[in-house]
Amino acid sequence: YNKINGVWAHYHFDLATEILRNEWKYQGCILTDWWMRMAKDPNFDHVENNAYRVRAQVDILMPGGRDYETRESDDSLIQSLNHPDGITLKEVQHSALNVLKLIKKIKG
């Protein structure tokens, strides 16, 4: 797990979106390393954990949506959808589409 300019790599919008997707034109699925660190977006009060990851256009959380220590479900994505400064449905749909494209490609 690495931080780049104080931001975990799996939440880093500039790395995942600006460089990988926009500059390098990567259109595939991006996934986290296992057991990513939890964090809050410093720019948006209601964007944290999975919502923060999706906002950065990182599509898949490995190994899933449960908290490592408590084993409870991380509902941060759903909770963020309910706030004006939270994640948008368009952002969620973008990640979902990337995951579906990956599944289709794998199934052949």
PDB file of N, CA and C in Angstrom:
ATOM      1  N   TYR A   1       0.846  -1.174   0.000  1.00  0.00           N
ATOM      2  CA  TYR A   1       0.000   0.000   0.000  1.00  0.00           C
ATOM      3  C   TYR A   1       0.889   1.233   0.000  1.00  0.00           C
ATOM      4  N   ASN A   2       0.692   2.075  -0.959  1.00  0.00           N
ATOM      5  CA  ASN A   2       1.516   3.272  -1.063  1.00  0.00           C
ATOM      6  C   ASN A   2       0.661   4.526  -1.132  1.00  0.00           C
ATOM      7  N   LYS A   3       1.204   5.594  -0.583  1.00  0.00           N
ATOM      8  CA  LYS A   3       0.583   6.906  -0.717  1.00  0.00           C
ATOM      9  C   LYS A   3       1.388   7.707  -1.729  1.00  0.00           C
ATOM     10  N   ILE A   4       0.685   8.484  -2.527  1.00  0.00           N
ATOM     11  CA  ILE A   4       1.307   9.385  -3.484  1.00  0.00           C
ATOM     12  C   ILE A   4       0.825  10.784  -3.130  1.00  0.00           C
ATOM     13  N   ASN A   5       1.752  11.629  -2.721  1.00  0.00           N
ATOM     14  CA  ASN A   5       1.405  12.980  -2.254  1.00  0.00           C
ATOM     15  C   ASN A   5       0.316  12.945  -1.186  1.00  0.00           C
ATOM     16  N   GLY A   6       0.406  11.976  -0.277  1.00  0.00           N
ATOM     17  CA  GLY A   6      -0.513  11.889   0.852  1.00  0.00           C
ATOM     18  C   GLY A   6      -1.817  11.169   0.580  1.00  0.00           C
ATOM     19  N   VAL A   7      -2.025  10.649  -0.638  1.00  0.00           N
ATOM     20  CA  VAL A   7      -3.274   9.963  -0.987  1.00  0.00           C
ATOM     21  C   VAL A   7      -2.948   8.506  -1.313  1.00  0.00           C
ATOM     22  N   TRP A   8      -3.708   7.578  -0.713  1.00  0.00           N
ATOM     23  CA  TRP A   8      -3.519   6.163  -1.029  1.00  0.00           C
ATOM     24  C   TRP A   8      -3.687   5.966  -2.529  1.00  0.00           C
ATOM     25  N   ALA A   9      -2.867   5.114  -3.127  1.00  0.00           N
ATOM     26  CA  ALA A   9      -2.890   4.893  -4.580  1.00  0.00           C
ATOM     27  C   ALA A   9      -4.267   4.451  -5.073  1.00  0.00           C
ATOM     28  N   HIS A  10      -4.993   3.649  -4.294  1.00  0.00           N
ATOM     29  CA  HIS A  10      -6.299   3.148  -4.736  1.00  0.00           C
ATOM     30  C   HIS A  10      -7.403   4.200  -4.651  1.00  0.00           C
ATOM     31  N   TYR A  11      -7.106   5.380  -4.134  1.00  0.00           N
ATOM     32  CA  TYR A  11      -8.059   6.495  -4.110  1.00  0.00           C
ATOM     33  C   TYR A  11      -7.572   7.656  -4.969  1.00  0.00           C
ATOM     34  N   HIS A  12      -6.467   7.491  -5.632  1.00  0.00           N
ATOM     35  CA  HIS A  12      -5.795   8.623  -6.272  1.00  0.00           C
ATOM     36  C   HIS A  12      -6.423   8.945  -7.631  1.00  0.00           C
ATOM     37  N   PHE A  13      -7.279   9.966  -7.666  1.00  0.00           N
ATOM     38  CA  PHE A  13      -7.983  10.373  -8.883  1.00  0.00           C
ATOM     39  C   PHE A  13      -7.005  10.721  -9.999  1.00  0.00           C
ATOM     40  N   ASP A  14      -5.978  11.499  -9.687  1.00  0.00           N
ATOM     41  CA  ASP A  14      -5.023  11.897 -10.729  1.00  0.00           C
ATOM     42  C   ASP A  14      -4.312  10.690 -11.330  1.00  0.00           C
ATOM     43  N   LEU A  15      -3.960   9.721 -10.509  1.00  0.00           N
ATOM     44  CA  LEU A  15      -3.267   8.531 -10.994  1.00  0.00           C
ATOM     45  C   LEU A  15      -4.197   7.654 -11.842  1.00  0.00           C
ATOM     46  N   ALA A  16      -5.369   7.310 -11.288  1.00  0.00           N
ATOM     47  CA  ALA A  16      -6.278   6.384 -11.969  1.00  0.00           C
ATOM     48  C   ALA A  16      -7.019   7.023 -13.136  1.00  0.00           C
ATOM     49  N   THR A  17      -7.478   8.248 -12.959  1.00  0.00           N
ATOM     50  CA  THR A  17      -8.313   8.877 -13.982  1.00  0.00           C
ATOM     51  C   THR A  17      -7.523   9.760 -14.932  1.00  0.00           C
ATOM     52  N   GLU A  18      -6.826  10.732 -14.387  1.00  0.00           N
ATOM     53  CA  GLU A  18      -6.122  11.682 -15.254  1.00  0.00           C
ATOM     54  C   GLU A  18      -4.995  11.027 -16.048  1.00  0.00           C
ATOM     55  N   ILE A  19      -4.168  10.220 -15.381  1.00  0.00           N
ATOM     56  CA  ILE A  19      -3.032   9.622 -16.085  1.00  0.00           C
ATOM     57  C   ILE A  19      -3.446   8.343 -16.818  1.00  0.00           C
ATOM     58  N   LEU A  20      -3.926   7.342 -16.061  1.00  0.00           N
ATOM     59  CA  LEU A  20      -4.203   6.036 -16.656  1.00  0.00           C
ATOM     60  C   LEU A  20      -5.333   6.088 -17.690  1.00  0.00           C
ATOM     61  N   ARG A  21      -6.444   6.693 -17.336  1.00  0.00           N
ATOM     62  CA  ARG A  21      -7.595   6.689 -18.251  1.00  0.00           C
ATOM     63  C   ARG A  21      -7.528   7.803 -19.302  1.00  0.00           C
ATOM     64  N   ASN A  22      -7.253   9.039 -18.876  1.00  0.00           N
ATOM     65  CA  ASN A  22      -7.292  10.153 -19.825  1.00  0.00           C
ATOM     66  C   ASN A  22      -6.019  10.280 -20.660  1.00  0.00           C
ATOM     67  N   GLU A  23      -4.873  10.292 -20.005  1.00  0.00           N
ATOM     68  CA  GLU A  23      -3.619  10.485 -20.739  1.00  0.00           C
ATOM     69  C   GLU A  23      -3.202   9.230 -21.510  1.00  0.00           C
ATOM     70  N   TRP A  24      -3.265   8.075 -20.870  1.00  0.00           N
ATOM     71  CA  TRP A  24      -2.829   6.834 -21.516  1.00  0.00           C
ATOM     72  C   TRP A  24      -3.967   6.125 -22.255  1.00  0.00           C
ATOM     73  N   LYS A  25      -5.202   6.619 -22.134  1.00  0.00           N
ATOM     74  CA  LYS A  25      -6.389   6.091 -22.836  1.00  0.00           C
ATOM     75  C   LYS A  25      -6.764   4.661 -22.428  1.00  0.00           C
ATOM     76  N   TYR A  26      -6.432   4.273 -21.205  1.00  0.00           N
ATOM     77  CA  TYR A  26      -6.809   2.947 -20.707  1.00  0.00           C
ATOM     78  C   TYR A  26      -8.311   2.914 -20.464  1.00  0.00           C
ATOM     79  N   GLN A  27      -8.994   1.896 -20.995  1.00  0.00           N
ATOM     80  CA  GLN A  27     -10.447   1.805 -20.858  1.00  0.00           C
ATOM     81  C   GLN A  27     -10.896   0.579 -20.075  1.00  0.00           C
ATOM     82  N   GLY A  28      -9.956  -0.155 -19.543  1.00  0.00           N
ATOM     83  CA  GLY A  28     -10.298  -1.381 -18.838  1.00  0.00           C
ATOM     84  C   GLY A  28     -10.675  -1.163 -17.389  1.00  0.00           C
ATOM     85  N   CYS A  29     -10.732  -2.264 -16.683  1.00  0.00           N
ATOM     86  CA  CYS A  29     -11.117  -2.293 -15.281  1.00  0.00           C
ATOM     87  C   CYS A  29      -9.877  -2.072 -14.403  1.00  0.00           C
ATOM     88  N   ILE A  30     -10.030  -1.287 -13.355  1.00  0.00           N
ATOM     89  CA  ILE A  30      -8.959  -1.064 -12.384  1.00  0.00           C
ATOM     90  C   ILE A  30      -9.425  -1.646 -11.054  1.00  0.00           C
ATOM     91  N   LEU A  31      -8.540  -2.405 -10.377  1.00  0.00           N
ATOM     92  CA  LEU A  31      -8.913  -2.958  -9.085  1.00  0.00           C
ATOM     93  C   LEU A  31      -7.863  -2.652  -8.036  1.00  0.00           C
ATOM     94  N   THR A  32      -8.291  -2.688  -6.789  1.00  0.00           N
ATOM     95  CA  THR A  32      -7.408  -2.391  -5.666  1.00  0.00           C
ATOM     96  C   THR A  32      -6.542  -3.598  -5.343  1.00  0.00           C
ATOM     97  N   ASP A  33      -5.495  -3.337  -4.577  1.00  0.00           N
ATOM     98  CA  ASP A  33      -4.762  -4.410  -3.938  1.00  0.00           C
ATOM     99  C   ASP A  33      -5.683  -4.958  -2.839  1.00  0.00           C
ATOM    100  N   TRP A  34      -5.360  -6.105  -2.281  1.00  0.00           N
ATOM    101  CA  TRP A  34      -6.215  -6.682  -1.244  1.00  0.00           C
ATOM    102  C   TRP A  34      -6.174  -5.844   0.024  1.00  0.00           C
ATOM    103  N   TRP A  35      -7.354  -5.708   0.638  1.00  0.00           N
ATOM    104  CA  TRP A  35      -7.527  -5.002   1.905  1.00  0.00           C
ATOM    105  C   TRP A  35      -6.997  -3.570   1.841  1.00  0.00           C
ATOM    106  N   MET A  36      -7.561  -2.805   0.942  1.00  0.00           N
ATOM    107  CA  MET A  36      -7.184  -1.392   0.831  1.00  0.00           C
ATOM    108  C   MET A  36      -7.425  -0.681   2.155  1.00  0.00           C
ATOM    109  N   ARG A  37      -6.754   0.403   2.356  1.00  0.00           N
ATOM    110  CA  ARG A  37      -6.918   1.200   3.569  1.00  0.00           C
ATOM    111  C   ARG A  37      -8.173   2.058   3.455  1.00  0.00           C
ATOM    112  N   MET A  38      -8.864   2.223   4.551  1.00  0.00           N
ATOM    113  CA  MET A  38     -10.040   3.083   4.574  1.00  0.00           C
ATOM    114  C   MET A  38      -9.584   4.531   4.677  1.00  0.00           C
ATOM    115  N   ALA A  39     -10.293   5.428   4.017  1.00  0.00           N
ATOM    116  CA  ALA A  39      -9.938   6.846   4.069  1.00  0.00           C
ATOM    117  C   ALA A  39     -11.126   7.690   3.637  1.00  0.00           C
ATOM    118  N   LYS A  40     -11.049   8.939   3.989  1.00  0.00           N
ATOM    119  CA  LYS A  40     -12.086   9.911   3.647  1.00  0.00           C
ATOM    120  C   LYS A  40     -11.504  10.893   2.635  1.00  0.00           C
ATOM    121  N   ASP A  41     -12.294  11.246   1.625  1.00  0.00           N
ATOM    122  CA  ASP A  41     -11.869  12.234   0.636  1.00  0.00           C
ATOM    123  C   ASP A  41     -11.783  13.591   1.330  1.00  0.00           C
ATOM    124  N   PRO A  42     -10.632  14.242   1.296  1.00  0.00           N
ATOM    125  CA  PRO A  42     -10.490  15.529   1.978  1.00  0.00           C
ATOM    126  C   PRO A  42     -11.300  16.651   1.328  1.00  0.00           C
ATOM    127  N   ASN A  43     -11.769  16.442   0.105  1.00  0.00           N
ATOM    128  CA  ASN A  43     -12.503  17.486  -0.614  1.00  0.00           C
ATOM    129  C   ASN A  43     -14.017  17.368  -0.526  1.00  0.00           C
ATOM    130  N   PHE A  44     -14.530  16.206  -0.137  1.00  0.00           N
ATOM    131  CA  PHE A  44     -15.973  15.977  -0.082  1.00  0.00           C
ATOM    132  C   PHE A  44     -16.321  15.264   1.220  1.00  0.00           C
ATOM    133  N   ASP A  45     -17.155  15.881   2.039  1.00  0.00           N
ATOM    134  CA  ASP A  45     -17.490  15.333   3.354  1.00  0.00           C
ATOM    135  C   ASP A  45     -18.151  13.960   3.307  1.00  0.00           C
ATOM    136  N   HIS A  46     -18.916  13.688   2.267  1.00  0.00           N
ATOM    137  CA  HIS A  46     -19.687  12.445   2.219  1.00  0.00           C
ATOM    138  C   HIS A  46     -19.122  11.437   1.219  1.00  0.00           C
ATOM    139  N   VAL A  47     -17.823  11.511   0.978  1.00  0.00           N
ATOM    140  CA  VAL A  47     -17.166  10.551   0.085  1.00  0.00           C
ATOM    141  C   VAL A  47     -16.017   9.906   0.859  1.00  0.00           C
ATOM    142  N   GLU A  48     -16.179   8.608   1.145  1.00  0.00           N
ATOM    143  CA  GLU A  48     -15.141   7.874   1.855  1.00  0.00           C
ATOM    144  C   GLU A  48     -15.154   6.413   1.422  1.00  0.00           C
ATOM    145  N   ASN A  49     -14.093   5.721   1.706  1.00  0.00           N
ATOM    146  CA  ASN A  49     -13.946   4.288   1.458  1.00  0.00           C
ATOM    147  C   ASN A  49     -14.345   3.902   0.030  1.00  0.00           C
ATOM    148  N   ASN A  50     -15.404   3.103  -0.141  1.00  0.00           N
ATOM    149  CA  ASN A  50     -15.786   2.662  -1.483  1.00  0.00           C
ATOM    150  C   ASN A  50     -16.239   3.801  -2.380  1.00  0.00           C
ATOM    151  N   ALA A  51     -16.900   4.786  -1.847  1.00  0.00           N
ATOM    152  CA  ALA A  51     -17.305   5.936  -2.660  1.00  0.00           C
ATOM    153  C   ALA A  51     -16.071   6.699  -3.143  1.00  0.00           C
ATOM    154  N   TYR A  52     -15.086   6.827  -2.294  1.00  0.00           N
ATOM    155  CA  TYR A  52     -13.821   7.494  -2.640  1.00  0.00           C
ATOM    156  C   TYR A  52     -13.127   6.717  -3.763  1.00  0.00           C
ATOM    157  N   ARG A  53     -13.132   5.401  -3.661  1.00  0.00           N
ATOM    158  CA  ARG A  53     -12.524   4.533  -4.673  1.00  0.00           C
ATOM    159  C   ARG A  53     -13.231   4.686  -6.019  1.00  0.00           C
ATOM    160  N   VAL A  54     -14.553   4.660  -6.017  1.00  0.00           N
ATOM    161  CA  VAL A  54     -15.318   4.791  -7.259  1.00  0.00           C
ATOM    162  C   VAL A  54     -15.133   6.177  -7.865  1.00  0.00           C
ATOM    163  N   ARG A  55     -15.076   7.201  -7.041  1.00  0.00           N
ATOM    164  CA  ARG A  55     -14.854   8.554  -7.565  1.00  0.00           C
ATOM    165  C   ARG A  55     -13.509   8.633  -8.289  1.00  0.00           C
ATOM    166  N   ALA A  56     -12.514   7.890  -7.827  1.00  0.00           N
ATOM    167  CA  ALA A  56     -11.199   7.865  -8.483  1.00  0.00           C
ATOM    168  C   ALA A  56     -11.206   6.989  -9.736  1.00  0.00           C
ATOM    169  N   GLN A  57     -12.331   6.320 -10.016  1.00  0.00           N
ATOM    170  CA  GLN A  57     -12.509   5.395 -11.139  1.00  0.00           C
ATOM    171  C   GLN A  57     -11.700   4.112 -10.966  1.00  0.00           C
ATOM    172  N   VAL A  58     -11.616   3.657  -9.713  1.00  0.00           N
ATOM    173  CA  VAL A  58     -11.075   2.334  -9.409  1.00  0.00           C
ATOM    174  C   VAL A  58     -12.300   1.443  -9.217  1.00  0.00           C
ATOM    175  N   ASP A  59     -12.459   0.452 -10.092  1.00  0.00           N
ATOM    176  CA  ASP A  59     -13.734  -0.234 -10.252  1.00  0.00           C
ATOM    177  C   ASP A  59     -14.013  -1.372  -9.282  1.00  0.00           C
ATOM    178  N   ILE A  60     -13.000  -2.127  -8.894  1.00  0.00           N
ATOM    179  CA  ILE A  60     -13.220  -3.324  -8.076  1.00  0.00           C
ATOM    180  C   ILE A  60     -12.420  -3.240  -6.785  1.00  0.00           C
ATOM    181  N   LEU A  61     -13.097  -3.549  -5.680  1.00  0.00           N
ATOM    182  CA  LEU A  61     -12.456  -3.641  -4.369  1.00  0.00           C
ATOM    183  C   LEU A  61     -12.097  -5.105  -4.120  1.00  0.00           C
ATOM    184  N   MET A  62     -10.839  -5.368  -3.872  1.00  0.00           N
ATOM    185  CA  MET A  62     -10.411  -6.733  -3.560  1.00  0.00           C
ATOM    186  C   MET A  62     -10.209  -6.847  -2.055  1.00  0.00           C
ATOM    187  N   PRO A  63     -10.702  -7.870  -1.430  1.00  0.00           N
ATOM    188  CA  PRO A  63     -11.407  -9.019  -1.952  1.00  0.00           C
ATOM    189  C   PRO A  63     -12.918  -8.871  -1.914  1.00  0.00           C
ATOM    190  N   GLY A  64     -13.442  -7.736  -1.522  1.00  0.00           N
ATOM    191  CA  GLY A  64     -14.888  -7.527  -1.486  1.00  0.00           C
ATOM    192  C   GLY A  64     -15.233  -6.350  -0.610  1.00  0.00           C
ATOM    193  N   GLY A  65     -16.498  -6.168  -0.325  1.00  0.00           N
ATOM    194  CA  GLY A  65     -16.968  -4.981   0.370  1.00  0.00           C
ATOM    195  C   GLY A  65     -17.123  -5.103   1.871  1.00  0.00           C
ATOM    196  N   ARG A  66     -16.386  -6.003   2.498  1.00  0.00           N
ATOM    197  CA  ARG A  66     -16.479  -6.145   3.957  1.00  0.00           C
ATOM    198  C   ARG A  66     -15.255  -5.545   4.626  1.00  0.00           C
ATOM    199  N   ASP A  67     -15.479  -4.949   5.794  1.00  0.00           N
ATOM    200  CA  ASP A  67     -14.392  -4.373   6.576  1.00  0.00           C
ATOM    201  C   ASP A  67     -13.471  -5.493   7.054  1.00  0.00           C
ATOM    202  N   TYR A  68     -12.180  -5.283   6.922  1.00  0.00           N
ATOM    203  CA  TYR A  68     -11.183  -6.303   7.260  1.00  0.00           C
ATOM    204  C   TYR A  68     -11.265  -6.724   8.726  1.00  0.00           C
ATOM    205  N   GLU A  69     -11.416  -5.766   9.622  1.00  0.00           N
ATOM    206  CA  GLU A  69     -11.389  -6.081  11.053  1.00  0.00           C
ATOM    207  C   GLU A  69     -12.744  -6.526  11.588  1.00  0.00           C
ATOM    208  N   THR A  70     -13.815  -5.815  11.232  1.00  0.00           N
ATOM    209  CA  THR A  70     -15.127  -6.122  11.798  1.00  0.00           C
ATOM    210  C   THR A  70     -15.898  -7.152  10.983  1.00  0.00           C
ATOM    211  N   ARG A  71     -15.501  -7.358   9.722  1.00  0.00           N
ATOM    212  CA  ARG A  71     -16.184  -8.253   8.779  1.00  0.00           C
ATOM    213  C   ARG A  71     -17.587  -7.759   8.438  1.00  0.00           C
ATOM    214  N   GLU A  72     -17.879  -6.505   8.779  1.00  0.00           N
ATOM    215  CA  GLU A  72     -19.178  -5.929   8.456  1.00  0.00           C
ATOM    216  C   GLU A  72     -19.142  -5.304   7.074  1.00  0.00           C
ATOM    217  N   SER A  73     -20.308  -5.229   6.462  1.00  0.00           N
ATOM    218  CA  SER A  73     -20.425  -4.652   5.128  1.00  0.00           C
ATOM    219  C   SER A  73     -20.075  -3.170   5.146  1.00  0.00           C
ATOM    220  N   ASP A  74     -19.340  -2.724   4.127  1.00  0.00           N
ATOM    221  CA  ASP A  74     -19.007  -1.307   3.987  1.00  0.00           C
ATOM    222  C   ASP A  74     -20.068  -0.666   3.102  1.00  0.00           C
ATOM    223  N   ASP A  75     -20.955   0.094   3.702  1.00  0.00           N
ATOM    224  CA  ASP A  75     -22.055   0.724   2.978  1.00  0.00           C
ATOM    225  C   ASP A  75     -21.741   2.151   2.553  1.00  0.00           C
ATOM    226  N   SER A  76     -20.470   2.522   2.525  1.00  0.00           N
ATOM    227  CA  SER A  76     -20.101   3.910   2.236  1.00  0.00           C
ATOM    228  C   SER A  76     -20.549   4.365   0.851  1.00  0.00           C
ATOM    229  N   LEU A  77     -20.596   3.462  -0.094  1.00  0.00           N
ATOM    230  CA  LEU A  77     -21.025   3.824  -1.445  1.00  0.00           C
ATOM    231  C   LEU A  77     -22.508   4.198  -1.455  1.00  0.00           C
ATOM    232  N   ILE A  78     -23.332   3.381  -0.840  1.00  0.00           N
ATOM    233  CA  ILE A  78     -24.772   3.647  -0.781  1.00  0.00           C
ATOM    234  C   ILE A  78     -25.054   4.897   0.045  1.00  0.00           C
ATOM    235  N   GLN A  79     -24.378   5.038   1.171  1.00  0.00           N
ATOM    236  CA  GLN A  79     -24.575   6.220   2.012  1.00  0.00           C
ATOM    237  C   GLN A  79     -24.181   7.491   1.280  1.00  0.00           C
ATOM    238  N   SER A  80     -23.136   7.432   0.490  1.00  0.00           N
ATOM    239  CA  SER A  80     -22.661   8.605  -0.239  1.00  0.00           C
ATOM    240  C   SER A  80     -23.650   9.040  -1.316  1.00  0.00           C
ATOM    241  N   LEU A  81     -24.384   8.084  -1.896  1.00  0.00           N
ATOM    242  CA  LEU A  81     -25.373   8.406  -2.931  1.00  0.00           C
ATOM    243  C   LEU A  81     -26.495   9.294  -2.399  1.00  0.00           C
ATOM    244  N   ASN A  82     -26.710   9.290  -1.107  1.00  0.00           N
ATOM    245  CA  ASN A  82     -27.805  10.052  -0.508  1.00  0.00           C
ATOM    246  C   ASN A  82     -27.452  11.490  -0.176  1.00  0.00           C
ATOM    247  N   HIS A  83     -26.273  11.956  -0.553  1.00  0.00           N
ATOM    248  CA  HIS A  83     -25.839  13.310  -0.204  1.00  0.00           C
ATOM    249  C   HIS A  83     -25.524  14.119  -1.458  1.00  0.00           C
ATOM    250  N   PRO A  84     -25.854  15.418  -1.423  1.00  0.00           N
ATOM    251  CA  PRO A  84     -25.593  16.281  -2.590  1.00  0.00           C
ATOM    252  C   PRO A  84     -24.121  16.328  -3.000  1.00  0.00           C
ATOM    253  N   ASP A  85     -23.199  16.262  -2.038  1.00  0.00           N
ATOM    254  CA  ASP A  85     -21.774  16.291  -2.398  1.00  0.00           C
ATOM    255  C   ASP A  85     -21.173  14.885  -2.433  1.00  0.00           C
ATOM    256  N   GLY A  86     -22.045  13.868  -2.435  1.00  0.00           N
ATOM    257  CA  GLY A  86     -21.587  12.484  -2.467  1.00  0.00           C
ATOM    258  C   GLY A  86     -21.354  11.986  -3.880  1.00  0.00           C
ATOM    259  N   ILE A  87     -21.143  10.696  -3.970  1.00  0.00           N
ATOM    260  CA  ILE A  87     -20.902  10.035  -5.248  1.00  0.00           C
ATOM    261  C   ILE A  87     -22.162  10.135  -6.109  1.00  0.00           C
ATOM    262  N   THR A  88     -21.996  10.161  -7.418  1.00  0.00           N
ATOM    263  CA  THR A  88     -23.154  10.264  -8.312  1.00  0.00           C
ATOM    264  C   THR A  88     -23.494   8.897  -8.903  1.00  0.00           C
ATOM    265  N   LEU A  89     -24.730   8.755  -9.330  1.00  0.00           N
ATOM    266  CA  LEU A  89     -25.151   7.521  -9.980  1.00  0.00           C
ATOM    267  C   LEU A  89     -24.315   7.283 -11.240  1.00  0.00           C
ATOM    268  N   LYS A  90     -23.983   8.335 -11.954  1.00  0.00           N
ATOM    269  CA  LYS A  90     -23.158   8.215 -13.161  1.00  0.00           C
ATOM    270  C   LYS A  90     -21.791   7.600 -12.834  1.00  0.00           C
ATOM    271  N   GLU A  91     -21.192   8.015 -11.718  1.00  0.00           N
ATOM    272  CA  GLU A  91     -19.892   7.458 -11.319  1.00  0.00           C
ATOM    273  C   GLU A  91     -20.006   5.965 -11.000  1.00  0.00           C
ATOM    274  N   VAL A  92     -21.075   5.585 -10.315  1.00  0.00           N
ATOM    275  CA  VAL A  92     -21.294   4.179  -9.978  1.00  0.00           C
ATOM    276  C   VAL A  92     -21.528   3.370 -11.253  1.00  0.00           C
ATOM    277  N   GLN A  93     -22.331   3.909 -12.166  1.00  0.00           N
ATOM    278  CA  GLN A  93     -22.619   3.210 -13.415  1.00  0.00           C
ATOM    279  C   GLN A  93     -21.364   3.041 -14.272  1.00  0.00           C
ATOM    280  N   HIS A  94     -20.483   4.022 -14.254  1.00  0.00           N
ATOM    281  CA  HIS A  94     -19.229   3.936 -15.011  1.00  0.00           C
ATOM    282  C   HIS A  94     -18.402   2.748 -14.519  1.00  0.00           C
ATOM    283  N   SER A  95     -18.263   2.620 -13.205  1.00  0.00           N
ATOM    284  CA  SER A  95     -17.509   1.488 -12.646  1.00  0.00           C
ATOM    285  C   SER A  95     -18.210   0.165 -12.929  1.00  0.00           C
ATOM    286  N   ALA A  96     -19.532   0.148 -12.788  1.00  0.00           N
ATOM    287  CA  ALA A  96     -20.287  -1.083 -13.050  1.00  0.00           C
ATOM    288  C   ALA A  96     -20.115  -1.530 -14.501  1.00  0.00           C
ATOM    289  N   LEU A  97     -20.133  -0.594 -15.426  1.00  0.00           N
ATOM    290  CA  LEU A  97     -19.949  -0.925 -16.838  1.00  0.00           C
ATOM    291  C   LEU A  97     -18.560  -1.522 -17.087  1.00  0.00           C
ATOM    292  N   ASN A  98     -17.540  -0.959 -16.453  1.00  0.00           N
ATOM    293  CA  ASN A  98     -16.188  -1.514 -16.600  1.00  0.00           C
ATOM    294  C   ASN A  98     -16.110  -2.945 -16.074  1.00  0.00           C
ATOM    295  N   VAL A  99     -16.790  -3.217 -14.972  1.00  0.00           N
ATOM    296  CA  VAL A  99     -16.801  -4.571 -14.403  1.00  0.00           C
ATOM    297  C   VAL A  99     -17.539  -5.528 -15.343  1.00  0.00           C
ATOM    298  N   LEU A 100     -18.673  -5.095 -15.878  1.00  0.00           N
ATOM    299  CA  LEU A 100     -19.426  -5.945 -16.804  1.00  0.00           C
ATOM    300  C   LEU A 100     -18.631  -6.242 -18.077  1.00  0.00           C
ATOM    301  N   LYS A 101     -17.906  -5.252 -18.573  1.00  0.00           N
ATOM    302  CA  LYS A 101     -17.054  -5.472 -19.753  1.00  0.00           C
ATOM    303  C   LYS A 101     -15.974  -6.511 -19.448  1.00  0.00           C
ATOM    304  N   LEU A 102     -15.407  -6.445 -18.241  1.00  0.00           N
ATOM    305  CA  LEU A 102     -14.392  -7.416 -17.834  1.00  0.00           C
ATOM    306  C   LEU A 102     -14.983  -8.824 -17.777  1.00  0.00           C
ATOM    307  N   ILE A 103     -16.158  -8.951 -17.188  1.00  0.00           N
ATOM    308  CA  ILE A 103     -16.819 -10.258 -17.087  1.00  0.00           C
ATOM    309  C   ILE A 103     -17.075 -10.827 -18.476  1.00  0.00           C
ATOM    310  N   LYS A 104     -17.569  -9.994 -19.371  1.00  0.00           N
ATOM    311  CA  LYS A 104     -17.848 -10.440 -20.740  1.00  0.00           C
ATOM    312  C   LYS A 104     -16.562 -10.908 -21.430  1.00  0.00           C
ATOM    313  N   LYS A 105     -15.493 -10.169 -21.227  1.00  0.00           N
ATOM    314  CA  LYS A 105     -14.213 -10.516 -21.851  1.00  0.00           C
ATOM    315  C   LYS A 105     -13.666 -11.833 -21.291  1.00  0.00           C
ATOM    316  N   ILE A 106     -13.786 -12.024 -19.989  1.00  0.00           N
ATOM    317  CA  ILE A 106     -13.288 -13.243 -19.350  1.00  0.00           C
ATOM    318  C   ILE A 106     -14.093 -14.463 -19.797  1.00  0.00           C
ATOM    319  N   LYS A 107     -15.422 -14.292 -19.885  1.00  0.00           N
ATOM    320  CA  LYS A 107     -16.285 -15.406 -20.281  1.00  0.00           C
ATOM    321  C   LYS A 107     -16.053 -15.802 -21.730  1.00  0.00           C
ATOM    322  N   GLY A 108     -15.555 -14.846 -22.530  1.00  0.00           N
ATOM    323  CA  GLY A 108     -15.222 -15.094 -23.921  1.00  0.00           C
ATOM    324  C   GLY A 108     -16.425 -15.327 -24.733  1.00  0.00           C
TER     325      GLY A 108
END
